[in-house]
């Protein structure tokens, strides 16, 4: 399956990233707020290093 990097897990980005997870994609995410990353990881996503380092299409 394709890995997608998602930058910005705020009000708009978090639901979009969760929908990708539910659709079966591997999603790595980045956000400035650690709380948003924690919520994303708890939903099944992976923490992404700053800039996502080429781990998936941006």
C-alpha atoms as a PDB file:
ATOM      1  CA  UNK A   1       0.000   0.000   0.000  1.00  0.00           C
ATOM      2  CA  UNK A   2       1.079   3.551  -0.635  1.00  0.00           C
ATOM      3  CA  UNK A   3       2.532   5.631   2.205  1.00  0.00           C
ATOM      4  CA  UNK A   4       1.278   9.197   2.339  1.00  0.00           C
ATOM      5  CA  UNK A   5       2.953  11.996   4.299  1.00  0.00           C
ATOM      6  CA  UNK A   6       0.517  14.490   5.783  1.00  0.00           C
ATOM      7  CA  UNK A   7       1.668  17.859   7.092  1.00  0.00           C
ATOM      8  CA  UNK A   8      -0.789  19.719   9.307  1.00  0.00           C
ATOM      9  CA  UNK A   9      -3.100  17.767  11.587  1.00  0.00           C
ATOM     10  CA  UNK A  10      -5.306  20.608  12.752  1.00  0.00           C
ATOM     11  CA  UNK A  11      -9.025  21.184  12.349  1.00  0.00           C
ATOM     12  CA  UNK A  12      -9.025  20.377   8.638  1.00  0.00           C
ATOM     13  CA  UNK A  13      -6.012  18.099   8.285  1.00  0.00           C
ATOM     14  CA  UNK A  14      -6.732  15.624  11.100  1.00  0.00           C
ATOM     15  CA  UNK A  15     -10.047  14.370   9.673  1.00  0.00           C
ATOM     16  CA  UNK A  16      -8.522  14.136   6.199  1.00  0.00           C
ATOM     17  CA  UNK A  17      -5.597  12.077   7.505  1.00  0.00           C
ATOM     18  CA  UNK A  18      -7.949   9.809   9.521  1.00  0.00           C
ATOM     19  CA  UNK A  19     -10.013   9.169   6.376  1.00  0.00           C
ATOM     20  CA  UNK A  20      -6.861   8.084   4.561  1.00  0.00           C
ATOM     21  CA  UNK A  21      -6.043   5.712   7.446  1.00  0.00           C
ATOM     22  CA  UNK A  22      -9.564   4.235   7.325  1.00  0.00           C
ATOM     23  CA  UNK A  23      -9.174   3.742   3.583  1.00  0.00           C
ATOM     24  CA  UNK A  24      -6.151   1.524   4.194  1.00  0.00           C
ATOM     25  CA  UNK A  25      -3.299   3.896   3.406  1.00  0.00           C
ATOM     26  CA  UNK A  26      -0.189   4.067   5.569  1.00  0.00           C
ATOM     27  CA  UNK A  27      -0.058   7.678   6.741  1.00  0.00           C
ATOM     28  CA  UNK A  28       2.799   9.478   8.453  1.00  0.00           C
ATOM     29  CA  UNK A  29       1.984  12.881   9.861  1.00  0.00           C
ATOM     30  CA  UNK A  30       3.694  16.034  11.052  1.00  0.00           C
ATOM     31  CA  UNK A  31       2.273  18.858  13.124  1.00  0.00           C
ATOM     32  CA  UNK A  32       3.878  21.537  15.304  1.00  0.00           C
ATOM     33  CA  UNK A  33       1.618  20.637  18.237  1.00  0.00           C
ATOM     34  CA  UNK A  34       2.670  17.445  20.077  1.00  0.00           C
ATOM     35  CA  UNK A  35      -0.922  16.887  21.245  1.00  0.00           C
ATOM     36  CA  UNK A  36      -2.167  16.651  17.663  1.00  0.00           C
ATOM     37  CA  UNK A  37       0.546  14.130  16.812  1.00  0.00           C
ATOM     38  CA  UNK A  38      -0.380  12.035  19.861  1.00  0.00           C
ATOM     39  CA  UNK A  39      -4.038  11.946  18.746  1.00  0.00           C
ATOM     40  CA  UNK A  40      -2.990  10.982  15.229  1.00  0.00           C
ATOM     41  CA  UNK A  41      -0.711   8.170  16.428  1.00  0.00           C
ATOM     42  CA  UNK A  42      -3.487   6.883  18.713  1.00  0.00           C
ATOM     43  CA  UNK A  43      -5.739   6.717  15.626  1.00  0.00           C
ATOM     44  CA  UNK A  44      -3.207   4.480  13.843  1.00  0.00           C
ATOM     45  CA  UNK A  45      -0.956   6.961  12.080  1.00  0.00           C
ATOM     46  CA  UNK A  46       2.815   7.201  12.376  1.00  0.00           C
ATOM     47  CA  UNK A  47       4.877  10.137  13.641  1.00  0.00           C
ATOM     48  CA  UNK A  48       6.841  11.820  10.881  1.00  0.00           C
ATOM     49  CA  UNK A  49      10.135  13.648  11.356  1.00  0.00           C
ATOM     50  CA  UNK A  50      10.130  17.330  10.400  1.00  0.00           C
ATOM     51  CA  UNK A  51       9.665  17.679   6.680  1.00  0.00           C
ATOM     52  CA  UNK A  52       8.823  13.961   6.496  1.00  0.00           C
ATOM     53  CA  UNK A  53      12.220  13.151   4.995  1.00  0.00           C
ATOM     54  CA  UNK A  54      10.888  11.666   1.763  1.00  0.00           C
ATOM     55  CA  UNK A  55       8.837   8.953   3.493  1.00  0.00           C
ATOM     56  CA  UNK A  56       5.889   9.434   1.155  1.00  0.00           C
ATOM     57  CA  UNK A  57       4.393  11.732  -1.442  1.00  0.00           C
ATOM     58  CA  UNK A  58       3.622  15.252  -0.256  1.00  0.00           C
END
